[in-house]
């Protein structure tokens, strides 16, 4: 129904407007009592789907990537579609509008999206207020810096978000890989990234029960840079890596919007993201968990990332193109794989 009727209707309108309208419709549907129906249609309850990764119990390994529910407005409702965990953000200390519109573009022929949103969000205190209402959803907190904060003071922004969100999220994601905040990706260089992660670990280790910290990396890193990432994970003792964020590459695209500035997500990213997962897993000899994201448009795409070394997977653009049935299909395929290979 989604792909044949709902999606063609939604794709007739501006994507950012549709995003906000969809949020309102999902909220309305749940107020009208559709929660049980959605859980029945899309949630797969099977013990074989349970995962324990970096000390957290996940009901299933399929999560929603950051960027969809930036301000933690809809995590309860989205969990009813069968997600095992929801990653909110990217959240910054102060509210910011992000980049000028128009800044979100569909690439229908390529099943991709280009965005240059620029960390638009309502600020960390707004997210905290929303997360106080959480009732059992596994939440990741994706944190970043404000656009006006120079890189030399970036650690202050990350630390402020970390402290504010600490009581309300299950794990943290340090986002230094978005291409849409000026100079942000410079923080991926070995020296500043090591310093930033060490700074957060100092704060984390002062807590009675530290929480997992993950690093989200770009798909555009070279093999040498990926080896640096492996070394940085070991040096800073963070808990894992999310591979990958959006790409600035534009190889092989055919859609009319292919030359828009911003980060590209969706099917064109599928192979590169899987390559990065495999490289990190093999080169590190499985030393840390990897969350695989990028180009998952089918159950097989998710299985490929898990086979490459991912412990968990996340979707975003695939959710836009495939709807909630994609979550169900991935989890169903994982159950079937377990039955065949117990």
C-alpha atoms as a PDB file:
ATOM      1  CA  UNK A   1       0.000   0.000   0.000  1.00  0.00           C
ATOM      2  CA  UNK A   2       2.773   2.448   0.928  1.00  0.00           C
ATOM      3  CA  UNK A   3       4.817   2.026  -2.244  1.00  0.00           C
ATOM      4  CA  UNK A   4       1.831   1.816  -4.602  1.00  0.00           C
ATOM      5  CA  UNK A   5      -0.373   4.540  -3.167  1.00  0.00           C
ATOM      6  CA  UNK A   6       1.017   6.557  -0.259  1.00  0.00           C
ATOM      7  CA  UNK A   7       4.538   7.147  -1.558  1.00  0.00           C
ATOM      8  CA  UNK A   8       3.491   8.385  -5.044  1.00  0.00           C
ATOM      9  CA  UNK A   9       1.124  10.826  -3.355  1.00  0.00           C
ATOM     10  CA  UNK A  10       3.755  12.094  -0.917  1.00  0.00           C
ATOM     11  CA  UNK A  11       6.391  12.394  -3.651  1.00  0.00           C
ATOM     12  CA  UNK A  12       4.220  14.917  -5.476  1.00  0.00           C
ATOM     13  CA  UNK A  13       5.168  17.556  -2.893  1.00  0.00           C
ATOM     14  CA  UNK A  14       8.265  19.220  -1.477  1.00  0.00           C
ATOM     15  CA  UNK A  15      10.199  16.625   0.586  1.00  0.00           C
ATOM     16  CA  UNK A  16      10.798  18.791   3.643  1.00  0.00           C
ATOM     17  CA  UNK A  17       7.151  19.804   3.794  1.00  0.00           C
ATOM     18  CA  UNK A  18       6.152  16.147   3.415  1.00  0.00           C
ATOM     19  CA  UNK A  19       8.465  15.232   6.289  1.00  0.00           C
ATOM     20  CA  UNK A  20       6.625  17.571   8.666  1.00  0.00           C
ATOM     21  CA  UNK A  21       3.199  16.569   7.370  1.00  0.00           C
ATOM     22  CA  UNK A  22       4.088  12.895   7.805  1.00  0.00           C
ATOM     23  CA  UNK A  23       5.078  13.548  11.412  1.00  0.00           C
ATOM     24  CA  UNK A  24       1.701  15.114  12.096  1.00  0.00           C
ATOM     25  CA  UNK A  25      -0.145  12.265  10.370  1.00  0.00           C
ATOM     26  CA  UNK A  26       1.739   9.610  12.329  1.00  0.00           C
ATOM     27  CA  UNK A  27       0.978  11.404  15.591  1.00  0.00           C
ATOM     28  CA  UNK A  28      -2.687  11.697  14.614  1.00  0.00           C
ATOM     29  CA  UNK A  29      -2.904   8.016  13.710  1.00  0.00           C
ATOM     30  CA  UNK A  30      -1.580   7.049  17.118  1.00  0.00           C
ATOM     31  CA  UNK A  31      -3.957   9.408  18.905  1.00  0.00           C
ATOM     32  CA  UNK A  32      -6.766   7.674  17.029  1.00  0.00           C
ATOM     33  CA  UNK A  33      -5.674   4.338  18.464  1.00  0.00           C
ATOM     34  CA  UNK A  34      -3.641   2.846  15.611  1.00  0.00           C
ATOM     35  CA  UNK A  35      -0.656   1.858  17.770  1.00  0.00           C
ATOM     36  CA  UNK A  36      -1.811  -1.742  18.194  1.00  0.00           C
ATOM     37  CA  UNK A  37      -2.529  -2.045  14.476  1.00  0.00           C
ATOM     38  CA  UNK A  38       0.932  -0.791  13.529  1.00  0.00           C
ATOM     39  CA  UNK A  39       2.599  -3.165  15.980  1.00  0.00           C
ATOM     40  CA  UNK A  40       0.580  -6.065  14.602  1.00  0.00           C
ATOM     41  CA  UNK A  41       1.434  -5.176  10.996  1.00  0.00           C
ATOM     42  CA  UNK A  42       5.117  -4.389  11.330  1.00  0.00           C
ATOM     43  CA  UNK A  43       6.651  -5.632  14.567  1.00  0.00           C
ATOM     44  CA  UNK A  44       8.304  -9.046  14.593  1.00  0.00           C
ATOM     45  CA  UNK A  45       8.563 -10.452  18.110  1.00  0.00           C
ATOM     46  CA  UNK A  46      11.068 -13.269  18.093  1.00  0.00           C
ATOM     47  CA  UNK A  47      13.760 -14.052  20.688  1.00  0.00           C
ATOM     48  CA  UNK A  48      16.291 -14.692  17.916  1.00  0.00           C
ATOM     49  CA  UNK A  49      16.216 -10.999  17.043  1.00  0.00           C
ATOM     50  CA  UNK A  50      17.444  -9.886  20.450  1.00  0.00           C
ATOM     51  CA  UNK A  51      20.958  -8.452  20.461  1.00  0.00           C
ATOM     52  CA  UNK A  52      23.245  -7.347  23.244  1.00  0.00           C
ATOM     53  CA  UNK A  53      25.728  -4.856  21.819  1.00  0.00           C
ATOM     54  CA  UNK A  54      28.030  -2.582  23.855  1.00  0.00           C
ATOM     55  CA  UNK A  55      26.122  -3.662  26.948  1.00  0.00           C
ATOM     56  CA  UNK A  56      22.669  -2.651  25.693  1.00  0.00           C
ATOM     57  CA  UNK A  57      19.784  -5.048  25.100  1.00  0.00           C
ATOM     58  CA  UNK A  58      18.170  -4.370  21.720  1.00  0.00           C
ATOM     59  CA  UNK A  59      14.810  -6.038  20.959  1.00  0.00           C
ATOM     60  CA  UNK A  60      15.968  -6.320  17.353  1.00  0.00           C
ATOM     61  CA  UNK A  61      18.961  -5.034  15.379  1.00  0.00           C
ATOM     62  CA  UNK A  62      17.103  -2.633  13.040  1.00  0.00           C
ATOM     63  CA  UNK A  63      17.256   0.998  14.070  1.00  0.00           C
ATOM     64  CA  UNK A  64      16.235   4.371  12.724  1.00  0.00           C
ATOM     65  CA  UNK A  65      19.239   6.474  11.765  1.00  0.00           C
ATOM     66  CA  UNK A  66      19.751   9.998  13.041  1.00  0.00           C
ATOM     67  CA  UNK A  67      18.286  12.850  11.029  1.00  0.00           C
ATOM     68  CA  UNK A  68      14.713  11.625  10.815  1.00  0.00           C
ATOM     69  CA  UNK A  69      13.526  12.370  14.353  1.00  0.00           C
ATOM     70  CA  UNK A  70      15.982  15.156  15.101  1.00  0.00           C
ATOM     71  CA  UNK A  71      14.146  16.544  18.121  1.00  0.00           C
ATOM     72  CA  UNK A  72      12.836  13.303  19.674  1.00  0.00           C
ATOM     73  CA  UNK A  73       9.263  14.207  18.766  1.00  0.00           C
ATOM     74  CA  UNK A  74       8.134  10.814  17.481  1.00  0.00           C
ATOM     75  CA  UNK A  75      10.280   8.050  18.967  1.00  0.00           C
ATOM     76  CA  UNK A  76       7.410   6.219  20.707  1.00  0.00           C
ATOM     77  CA  UNK A  77       5.288   6.208  17.577  1.00  0.00           C
ATOM     78  CA  UNK A  78       8.189   5.172  15.343  1.00  0.00           C
ATOM     79  CA  UNK A  79       9.050   2.296  17.658  1.00  0.00           C
ATOM     80  CA  UNK A  80       5.578   0.891  16.946  1.00  0.00           C
ATOM     81  CA  UNK A  81       6.655   0.350  13.342  1.00  0.00           C
ATOM     82  CA  UNK A  82       9.078  -2.293  14.572  1.00  0.00           C
ATOM     83  CA  UNK A  83      12.343  -0.430  15.088  1.00  0.00           C
ATOM     84  CA  UNK A  84      14.595  -1.940  17.724  1.00  0.00           C
ATOM     85  CA  UNK A  85      16.079   1.445  18.566  1.00  0.00           C
ATOM     86  CA  UNK A  86      15.749   5.103  17.587  1.00  0.00           C
ATOM     87  CA  UNK A  87      18.648   7.509  17.164  1.00  0.00           C
ATOM     88  CA  UNK A  88      17.666  11.134  17.672  1.00  0.00           C
ATOM     89  CA  UNK A  89      19.548  14.200  16.475  1.00  0.00           C
ATOM     90  CA  UNK A  90      21.908  15.469  15.436  1.00  0.00           C
ATOM     91  CA  UNK A  91      21.379  17.660  18.514  1.00  0.00           C
ATOM     92  CA  UNK A  92      23.388  20.823  19.170  1.00  0.00           C
ATOM     93  CA  UNK A  93      23.608  22.889  22.386  1.00  0.00           C
ATOM     94  CA  UNK A  94      21.622  25.828  21.017  1.00  0.00           C
ATOM     95  CA  UNK A  95      18.666  25.714  18.627  1.00  0.00           C
ATOM     96  CA  UNK A  96      19.572  26.506  15.038  1.00  0.00           C
ATOM     97  CA  UNK A  97      17.640  26.837  11.807  1.00  0.00           C
ATOM     98  CA  UNK A  98      20.160  25.027   9.633  1.00  0.00           C
ATOM     99  CA  UNK A  99      20.910  25.983   6.068  1.00  0.00           C
ATOM    100  CA  UNK A 100      18.600  28.022   3.816  1.00  0.00           C
ATOM    101  CA  UNK A 101      15.778  26.199   2.051  1.00  0.00           C
ATOM    102  CA  UNK A 102      15.475  24.444  -0.372  1.00  0.00           C
ATOM    103  CA  UNK A 103      17.838  21.904   1.178  1.00  0.00           C
ATOM    104  CA  UNK A 104      16.306  18.436   0.728  1.00  0.00           C
ATOM    105  CA  UNK A 105      16.099  16.726  -2.672  1.00  0.00           C
ATOM    106  CA  UNK A 106      14.784  13.364  -3.837  1.00  0.00           C
ATOM    107  CA  UNK A 107      16.678  11.401  -6.466  1.00  0.00           C
ATOM    108  CA  UNK A 108      13.820   9.110  -7.480  1.00  0.00           C
ATOM    109  CA  UNK A 109      15.596   7.297 -10.305  1.00  0.00           C
ATOM    110  CA  UNK A 110      18.533   6.545  -8.007  1.00  0.00           C
ATOM    111  CA  UNK A 111      16.405   5.876  -4.892  1.00  0.00           C
ATOM    112  CA  UNK A 112      18.492   8.424  -3.052  1.00  0.00           C
ATOM    113  CA  UNK A 113      18.244  11.710  -1.185  1.00  0.00           C
ATOM    114  CA  UNK A 114      20.560  14.693  -1.098  1.00  0.00           C
ATOM    115  CA  UNK A 115      20.328  16.890   1.966  1.00  0.00           C
ATOM    116  CA  UNK A 116      22.123  19.988   3.157  1.00  0.00           C
ATOM    117  CA  UNK A 117      19.997  20.510   6.248  1.00  0.00           C
ATOM    118  CA  UNK A 118      22.850  21.782   8.419  1.00  0.00           C
ATOM    119  CA  UNK A 119      21.981  20.343  11.844  1.00  0.00           C
ATOM    120  CA  UNK A 120      18.609  22.095  12.057  1.00  0.00           C
ATOM    121  CA  UNK A 121      17.214  21.281  15.503  1.00  0.00           C
ATOM    122  CA  UNK A 122      15.537  22.835  18.520  1.00  0.00           C
ATOM    123  CA  UNK A 123      18.523  22.456  20.818  1.00  0.00           C
ATOM    124  CA  UNK A 124      19.522  19.989  23.469  1.00  0.00           C
ATOM    125  CA  UNK A 125      17.184  21.242  26.209  1.00  0.00           C
ATOM    126  CA  UNK A 126      14.179  20.676  23.958  1.00  0.00           C
ATOM    127  CA  UNK A 127      15.359  17.112  23.287  1.00  0.00           C
ATOM    128  CA  UNK A 128      15.795  16.496  27.009  1.00  0.00           C
ATOM    129  CA  UNK A 129      12.239  17.649  27.656  1.00  0.00           C
ATOM    130  CA  UNK A 130      10.911  15.238  25.029  1.00  0.00           C
ATOM    131  CA  UNK A 131      12.998  12.303  26.242  1.00  0.00           C
ATOM    132  CA  UNK A 132      11.762  12.609  29.807  1.00  0.00           C
ATOM    133  CA  UNK A 133       8.590  10.931  28.538  1.00  0.00           C
ATOM    134  CA  UNK A 134      10.396   7.833  27.280  1.00  0.00           C
ATOM    135  CA  UNK A 135       8.832   4.551  28.266  1.00  0.00           C
ATOM    136  CA  UNK A 136      11.249   1.825  27.285  1.00  0.00           C
ATOM    137  CA  UNK A 137      12.420   2.779  23.779  1.00  0.00           C
ATOM    138  CA  UNK A 138      16.159   2.296  23.254  1.00  0.00           C
ATOM    139  CA  UNK A 139      17.467   5.741  22.345  1.00  0.00           C
ATOM    140  CA  UNK A 140      20.738   6.880  20.831  1.00  0.00           C
ATOM    141  CA  UNK A 141      21.776  10.509  21.182  1.00  0.00           C
ATOM    142  CA  UNK A 142      23.580  11.847  18.117  1.00  0.00           C
ATOM    143  CA  UNK A 143      25.435  15.035  19.114  1.00  0.00           C
ATOM    144  CA  UNK A 144      27.180  17.785  17.187  1.00  0.00           C
ATOM    145  CA  UNK A 145      28.354  21.366  17.418  1.00  0.00           C
ATOM    146  CA  UNK A 146      26.587  24.574  16.519  1.00  0.00           C
ATOM    147  CA  UNK A 147      27.507  26.130  13.194  1.00  0.00           C
ATOM    148  CA  UNK A 148      28.827  29.282  14.874  1.00  0.00           C
ATOM    149  CA  UNK A 149      31.127  27.355  17.213  1.00  0.00           C
ATOM    150  CA  UNK A 150      34.708  27.255  15.866  1.00  0.00           C
ATOM    151  CA  UNK A 151      36.405  23.877  15.727  1.00  0.00           C
ATOM    152  CA  UNK A 152      38.830  24.996  18.422  1.00  0.00           C
ATOM    153  CA  UNK A 153      35.897  25.097  20.847  1.00  0.00           C
ATOM    154  CA  UNK A 154      33.916  22.182  19.428  1.00  0.00           C
ATOM    155  CA  UNK A 155      34.630  19.984  22.441  1.00  0.00           C
ATOM    156  CA  UNK A 156      32.636  22.377  24.624  1.00  0.00           C
ATOM    157  CA  UNK A 157      29.530  21.869  22.474  1.00  0.00           C
ATOM    158  CA  UNK A 158      29.865  18.089  22.432  1.00  0.00           C
ATOM    159  CA  UNK A 159      30.449  18.043  26.177  1.00  0.00           C
ATOM    160  CA  UNK A 160      27.394  20.227  26.837  1.00  0.00           C
ATOM    161  CA  UNK A 161      25.158  17.912  24.797  1.00  0.00           C
ATOM    162  CA  UNK A 162      26.676  14.855  26.443  1.00  0.00           C
ATOM    163  CA  UNK A 163      26.031  16.122  29.970  1.00  0.00           C
ATOM    164  CA  UNK A 164      22.467  17.240  29.214  1.00  0.00           C
ATOM    165  CA  UNK A 165      21.424  14.035  27.436  1.00  0.00           C
ATOM    166  CA  UNK A 166      23.277  11.584  29.676  1.00  0.00           C
ATOM    167  CA  UNK A 167      20.310  10.604  31.899  1.00  0.00           C
ATOM    168  CA  UNK A 168      17.980  10.138  28.928  1.00  0.00           C
ATOM    169  CA  UNK A 169      19.794   8.182  26.219  1.00  0.00           C
ATOM    170  CA  UNK A 170      21.227   4.679  26.112  1.00  0.00           C
ATOM    171  CA  UNK A 171      24.243   5.476  23.942  1.00  0.00           C
ATOM    172  CA  UNK A 172      25.912   8.468  22.307  1.00  0.00           C
ATOM    173  CA  UNK A 173      27.034   9.096  18.744  1.00  0.00           C
ATOM    174  CA  UNK A 174      29.688  11.713  18.017  1.00  0.00           C
ATOM    175  CA  UNK A 175      28.903  13.215  14.614  1.00  0.00           C
ATOM    176  CA  UNK A 176      31.930  14.825  12.978  1.00  0.00           C
ATOM    177  CA  UNK A 177      31.149  13.509   9.506  1.00  0.00           C
ATOM    178  CA  UNK A 178      28.236  15.578   8.209  1.00  0.00           C
ATOM    179  CA  UNK A 179      29.251  17.489   5.066  1.00  0.00           C
ATOM    180  CA  UNK A 180      26.713  20.246   5.754  1.00  0.00           C
ATOM    181  CA  UNK A 181      28.375  22.169   8.612  1.00  0.00           C
ATOM    182  CA  UNK A 182      31.417  24.170   7.487  1.00  0.00           C
ATOM    183  CA  UNK A 183      34.754  22.583   8.493  1.00  0.00           C
ATOM    184  CA  UNK A 184      33.058  19.903  10.619  1.00  0.00           C
ATOM    185  CA  UNK A 185      34.749  17.053   8.762  1.00  0.00           C
ATOM    186  CA  UNK A 186      38.147  18.508   9.696  1.00  0.00           C
ATOM    187  CA  UNK A 187      37.401  17.120  13.166  1.00  0.00           C
ATOM    188  CA  UNK A 188      37.778  13.613  11.661  1.00  0.00           C
ATOM    189  CA  UNK A 189      41.524  14.174  11.370  1.00  0.00           C
ATOM    190  CA  UNK A 190      43.457  12.013  13.767  1.00  0.00           C
ATOM    191  CA  UNK A 191      44.706  14.597  16.252  1.00  0.00           C
ATOM    192  CA  UNK A 192      41.515  16.657  16.817  1.00  0.00           C
ATOM    193  CA  UNK A 193      39.305  13.560  16.772  1.00  0.00           C
ATOM    194  CA  UNK A 194      41.434  11.778  19.370  1.00  0.00           C
ATOM    195  CA  UNK A 195      41.369  14.865  21.578  1.00  0.00           C
ATOM    196  CA  UNK A 196      37.581  15.238  21.249  1.00  0.00           C
ATOM    197  CA  UNK A 197      36.847  11.608  22.067  1.00  0.00           C
ATOM    198  CA  UNK A 198      39.293  11.577  24.972  1.00  0.00           C
ATOM    199  CA  UNK A 199      37.610  14.695  26.344  1.00  0.00           C
ATOM    200  CA  UNK A 200      34.198  12.992  26.258  1.00  0.00           C
ATOM    201  CA  UNK A 201      35.598   9.845  27.801  1.00  0.00           C
ATOM    202  CA  UNK A 202      36.940  11.823  30.740  1.00  0.00           C
ATOM    203  CA  UNK A 203      33.418  13.109  31.408  1.00  0.00           C
ATOM    204  CA  UNK A 204      31.916   9.674  30.748  1.00  0.00           C
ATOM    205  CA  UNK A 205      34.247   7.875  33.138  1.00  0.00           C
ATOM    206  CA  UNK A 206      33.318  10.254  35.934  1.00  0.00           C
ATOM    207  CA  UNK A 207      29.779   8.855  35.852  1.00  0.00           C
ATOM    208  CA  UNK A 208      28.821   5.977  38.139  1.00  0.00           C
ATOM    209  CA  UNK A 209      27.786   3.979  35.059  1.00  0.00           C
ATOM    210  CA  UNK A 210      29.448   5.234  31.845  1.00  0.00           C
ATOM    211  CA  UNK A 211      27.484   4.968  28.609  1.00  0.00           C
ATOM    212  CA  UNK A 212      28.642   3.700  25.224  1.00  0.00           C
ATOM    213  CA  UNK A 213      30.138   6.300  22.891  1.00  0.00           C
ATOM    214  CA  UNK A 214      30.160   5.624  19.145  1.00  0.00           C
ATOM    215  CA  UNK A 215      31.777   7.551  16.320  1.00  0.00           C
ATOM    216  CA  UNK A 216      29.893   8.199  13.083  1.00  0.00           C
ATOM    217  CA  UNK A 217      32.253   8.316  10.110  1.00  0.00           C
ATOM    218  CA  UNK A 218      32.019   9.437   6.501  1.00  0.00           C
ATOM    219  CA  UNK A 219      32.076   6.946   3.614  1.00  0.00           C
ATOM    220  CA  UNK A 220      34.590   9.170   1.836  1.00  0.00           C
ATOM    221  CA  UNK A 221      37.564   8.249   4.058  1.00  0.00           C
ATOM    222  CA  UNK A 222      40.567   6.568   2.461  1.00  0.00           C
ATOM    223  CA  UNK A 223      41.907   3.205   3.637  1.00  0.00           C
ATOM    224  CA  UNK A 224      44.644   5.080   5.470  1.00  0.00           C
ATOM    225  CA  UNK A 225      42.102   7.234   7.255  1.00  0.00           C
ATOM    226  CA  UNK A 226      40.027   4.176   8.129  1.00  0.00           C
ATOM    227  CA  UNK A 227      43.119   2.612   9.680  1.00  0.00           C
ATOM    228  CA  UNK A 228      43.478   5.785  11.716  1.00  0.00           C
ATOM    229  CA  UNK A 229      39.877   5.344  12.864  1.00  0.00           C
ATOM    230  CA  UNK A 230      40.670   1.822  14.069  1.00  0.00           C
ATOM    231  CA  UNK A 231      43.662   3.163  16.000  1.00  0.00           C
ATOM    232  CA  UNK A 232      41.619   6.030  17.463  1.00  0.00           C
ATOM    233  CA  UNK A 233      38.931   3.614  18.690  1.00  0.00           C
ATOM    234  CA  UNK A 234      41.624   1.629  20.495  1.00  0.00           C
ATOM    235  CA  UNK A 235      43.362   4.707  21.913  1.00  0.00           C
ATOM    236  CA  UNK A 236      40.212   6.402  23.199  1.00  0.00           C
ATOM    237  CA  UNK A 237      38.452   3.191  24.217  1.00  0.00           C
ATOM    238  CA  UNK A 238      35.145   4.255  22.667  1.00  0.00           C
ATOM    239  CA  UNK A 239      32.617   1.494  22.106  1.00  0.00           C
ATOM    240  CA  UNK A 240      32.074   1.337  18.367  1.00  0.00           C
ATOM    241  CA  UNK A 241      31.622   2.978  14.984  1.00  0.00           C
ATOM    242  CA  UNK A 242      28.615   3.896  12.851  1.00  0.00           C
ATOM    243  CA  UNK A 243      29.465   3.368   9.192  1.00  0.00           C
ATOM    244  CA  UNK A 244      28.509   5.456   7.355  1.00  0.00           C
ATOM    245  CA  UNK A 245      27.171   8.986   7.106  1.00  0.00           C
ATOM    246  CA  UNK A 246      26.208  10.559   3.773  1.00  0.00           C
ATOM    247  CA  UNK A 247      28.686  10.925   0.917  1.00  0.00           C
ATOM    248  CA  UNK A 248      29.823  13.890  -1.164  1.00  0.00           C
ATOM    249  CA  UNK A 249      30.529  11.564  -4.111  1.00  0.00           C
ATOM    250  CA  UNK A 250      28.177  11.646  -7.097  1.00  0.00           C
ATOM    251  CA  UNK A 251      29.333   8.659  -9.157  1.00  0.00           C
ATOM    252  CA  UNK A 252      26.814   7.015 -11.475  1.00  0.00           C
ATOM    253  CA  UNK A 253      23.795   9.156 -10.651  1.00  0.00           C
ATOM    254  CA  UNK A 254      21.114   9.752 -13.255  1.00  0.00           C
ATOM    255  CA  UNK A 255      18.535  11.877 -11.403  1.00  0.00           C
ATOM    256  CA  UNK A 256      17.985  15.504 -12.235  1.00  0.00           C
ATOM    257  CA  UNK A 257      18.976  16.665  -8.746  1.00  0.00           C
ATOM    258  CA  UNK A 258      22.308  14.834  -8.786  1.00  0.00           C
ATOM    259  CA  UNK A 259      24.418  18.022  -8.731  1.00  0.00           C
ATOM    260  CA  UNK A 260      22.789  19.579  -5.679  1.00  0.00           C
ATOM    261  CA  UNK A 261      25.232  20.322  -2.870  1.00  0.00           C
ATOM    262  CA  UNK A 262      24.960  18.247   0.288  1.00  0.00           C
ATOM    263  CA  UNK A 263      25.244  14.699   1.514  1.00  0.00           C
ATOM    264  CA  UNK A 264      23.936  11.841  -0.603  1.00  0.00           C
ATOM    265  CA  UNK A 265      22.151   8.915   1.048  1.00  0.00           C
ATOM    266  CA  UNK A 266      20.219   5.903  -0.185  1.00  0.00           C
ATOM    267  CA  UNK A 267      20.912   3.197  -2.735  1.00  0.00           C
ATOM    268  CA  UNK A 268      23.946   4.912  -4.371  1.00  0.00           C
ATOM    269  CA  UNK A 269      25.743   4.622  -1.018  1.00  0.00           C
ATOM    270  CA  UNK A 270      25.009   0.917  -0.532  1.00  0.00           C
ATOM    271  CA  UNK A 271      28.197  -0.640  -1.864  1.00  0.00           C
ATOM    272  CA  UNK A 272      30.630   1.896  -0.423  1.00  0.00           C
ATOM    273  CA  UNK A 273      29.074   1.705   3.022  1.00  0.00           C
ATOM    274  CA  UNK A 274      29.318  -2.083   2.991  1.00  0.00           C
ATOM    275  CA  UNK A 275      32.946  -1.863   1.837  1.00  0.00           C
ATOM    276  CA  UNK A 276      33.774   0.417   4.771  1.00  0.00           C
ATOM    277  CA  UNK A 277      32.075  -1.961   7.219  1.00  0.00           C
ATOM    278  CA  UNK A 278      33.982  -4.932   5.832  1.00  0.00           C
ATOM    279  CA  UNK A 279      37.302  -3.079   5.893  1.00  0.00           C
ATOM    280  CA  UNK A 280      36.879  -1.922   9.494  1.00  0.00           C
ATOM    281  CA  UNK A 281      35.744  -5.357  10.651  1.00  0.00           C
ATOM    282  CA  UNK A 282      38.552  -7.218   8.924  1.00  0.00           C
ATOM    283  CA  UNK A 283      41.355  -4.769   9.695  1.00  0.00           C
ATOM    284  CA  UNK A 284      40.348  -4.487  13.358  1.00  0.00           C
ATOM    285  CA  UNK A 285      39.755  -8.257  13.601  1.00  0.00           C
ATOM    286  CA  UNK A 286      36.299  -7.532  15.008  1.00  0.00           C
ATOM    287  CA  UNK A 287      37.684  -5.475  17.888  1.00  0.00           C
ATOM    288  CA  UNK A 288      34.612  -3.256  18.182  1.00  0.00           C
ATOM    289  CA  UNK A 289      30.941  -3.314  17.138  1.00  0.00           C
ATOM    290  CA  UNK A 290      29.900  -1.592  13.914  1.00  0.00           C
ATOM    291  CA  UNK A 291      26.474  -0.170  13.183  1.00  0.00           C
ATOM    292  CA  UNK A 292      25.877  -0.453   9.441  1.00  0.00           C
ATOM    293  CA  UNK A 293      23.922   2.283   7.676  1.00  0.00           C
ATOM    294  CA  UNK A 294      23.822   3.516   4.101  1.00  0.00           C
ATOM    295  CA  UNK A 295      21.803   2.278   1.168  1.00  0.00           C
ATOM    296  CA  UNK A 296      19.670  -0.327   2.919  1.00  0.00           C
ATOM    297  CA  UNK A 297      16.643  -0.530   0.611  1.00  0.00           C
ATOM    298  CA  UNK A 298      15.858  -4.225   1.056  1.00  0.00           C
ATOM    299  CA  UNK A 299      16.204  -7.057   3.523  1.00  0.00           C
ATOM    300  CA  UNK A 300      19.114  -8.425   1.506  1.00  0.00           C
ATOM    301  CA  UNK A 301      20.946  -5.100   1.781  1.00  0.00           C
ATOM    302  CA  UNK A 302      20.718  -5.360   5.571  1.00  0.00           C
ATOM    303  CA  UNK A 303      21.894  -8.985   5.542  1.00  0.00           C
ATOM    304  CA  UNK A 304      24.866  -7.973   3.388  1.00  0.00           C
ATOM    305  CA  UNK A 305      25.946  -5.399   5.958  1.00  0.00           C
ATOM    306  CA  UNK A 306      25.591  -7.881   8.795  1.00  0.00           C
ATOM    307  CA  UNK A 307      27.581 -10.437   6.812  1.00  0.00           C
ATOM    308  CA  UNK A 308      30.248  -7.758   6.266  1.00  0.00           C
ATOM    309  CA  UNK A 309      30.606  -7.301  10.019  1.00  0.00           C
ATOM    310  CA  UNK A 310      27.822  -5.043  11.277  1.00  0.00           C
ATOM    311  CA  UNK A 311      26.265  -5.949  14.620  1.00  0.00           C
ATOM    312  CA  UNK A 312      23.288  -3.618  14.097  1.00  0.00           C
ATOM    313  CA  UNK A 313      21.860  -1.756  11.118  1.00  0.00           C
ATOM    314  CA  UNK A 314      20.023   1.525  10.646  1.00  0.00           C
ATOM    315  CA  UNK A 315      17.797   2.863   7.904  1.00  0.00           C
ATOM    316  CA  UNK A 316      16.608   6.329   6.880  1.00  0.00           C
ATOM    317  CA  UNK A 317      16.338   6.816   3.122  1.00  0.00           C
ATOM    318  CA  UNK A 318      15.184   3.215   2.749  1.00  0.00           C
ATOM    319  CA  UNK A 319      12.398   4.010   5.215  1.00  0.00           C
ATOM    320  CA  UNK A 320      11.362   6.973   3.059  1.00  0.00           C
ATOM    321  CA  UNK A 321      11.259   4.857  -0.114  1.00  0.00           C
ATOM    322  CA  UNK A 322      10.084   1.554   1.350  1.00  0.00           C
ATOM    323  CA  UNK A 323       7.944   2.538   4.313  1.00  0.00           C
ATOM    324  CA  UNK A 324       7.617   0.555   7.551  1.00  0.00           C
ATOM    325  CA  UNK A 325       7.292  -2.735   5.681  1.00  0.00           C
ATOM    326  CA  UNK A 326      11.060  -2.577   5.155  1.00  0.00           C
ATOM    327  CA  UNK A 327      11.639  -2.882   8.916  1.00  0.00           C
ATOM    328  CA  UNK A 328       9.368  -5.928   9.080  1.00  0.00           C
ATOM    329  CA  UNK A 329      11.022  -7.504   6.028  1.00  0.00           C
ATOM    330  CA  UNK A 330      14.533  -7.123   7.456  1.00  0.00           C
ATOM    331  CA  UNK A 331      13.588  -8.615  10.807  1.00  0.00           C
ATOM    332  CA  UNK A 332      11.666 -11.425   9.115  1.00  0.00           C
ATOM    333  CA  UNK A 333      14.709 -12.230   6.957  1.00  0.00           C
ATOM    334  CA  UNK A 334      16.922 -12.293  10.063  1.00  0.00           C
ATOM    335  CA  UNK A 335      14.562 -14.749  11.783  1.00  0.00           C
ATOM    336  CA  UNK A 336      14.517 -16.971   8.695  1.00  0.00           C
ATOM    337  CA  UNK A 337      18.308 -16.856   8.502  1.00  0.00           C
ATOM    338  CA  UNK A 338      18.539 -17.960  12.140  1.00  0.00           C
ATOM    339  CA  UNK A 339      16.178 -20.881  11.456  1.00  0.00           C
ATOM    340  CA  UNK A 340      18.329 -22.002   8.512  1.00  0.00           C
ATOM    341  CA  UNK A 341      21.607 -21.454  10.373  1.00  0.00           C
ATOM    342  CA  UNK A 342      20.868 -21.980  14.079  1.00  0.00           C
END
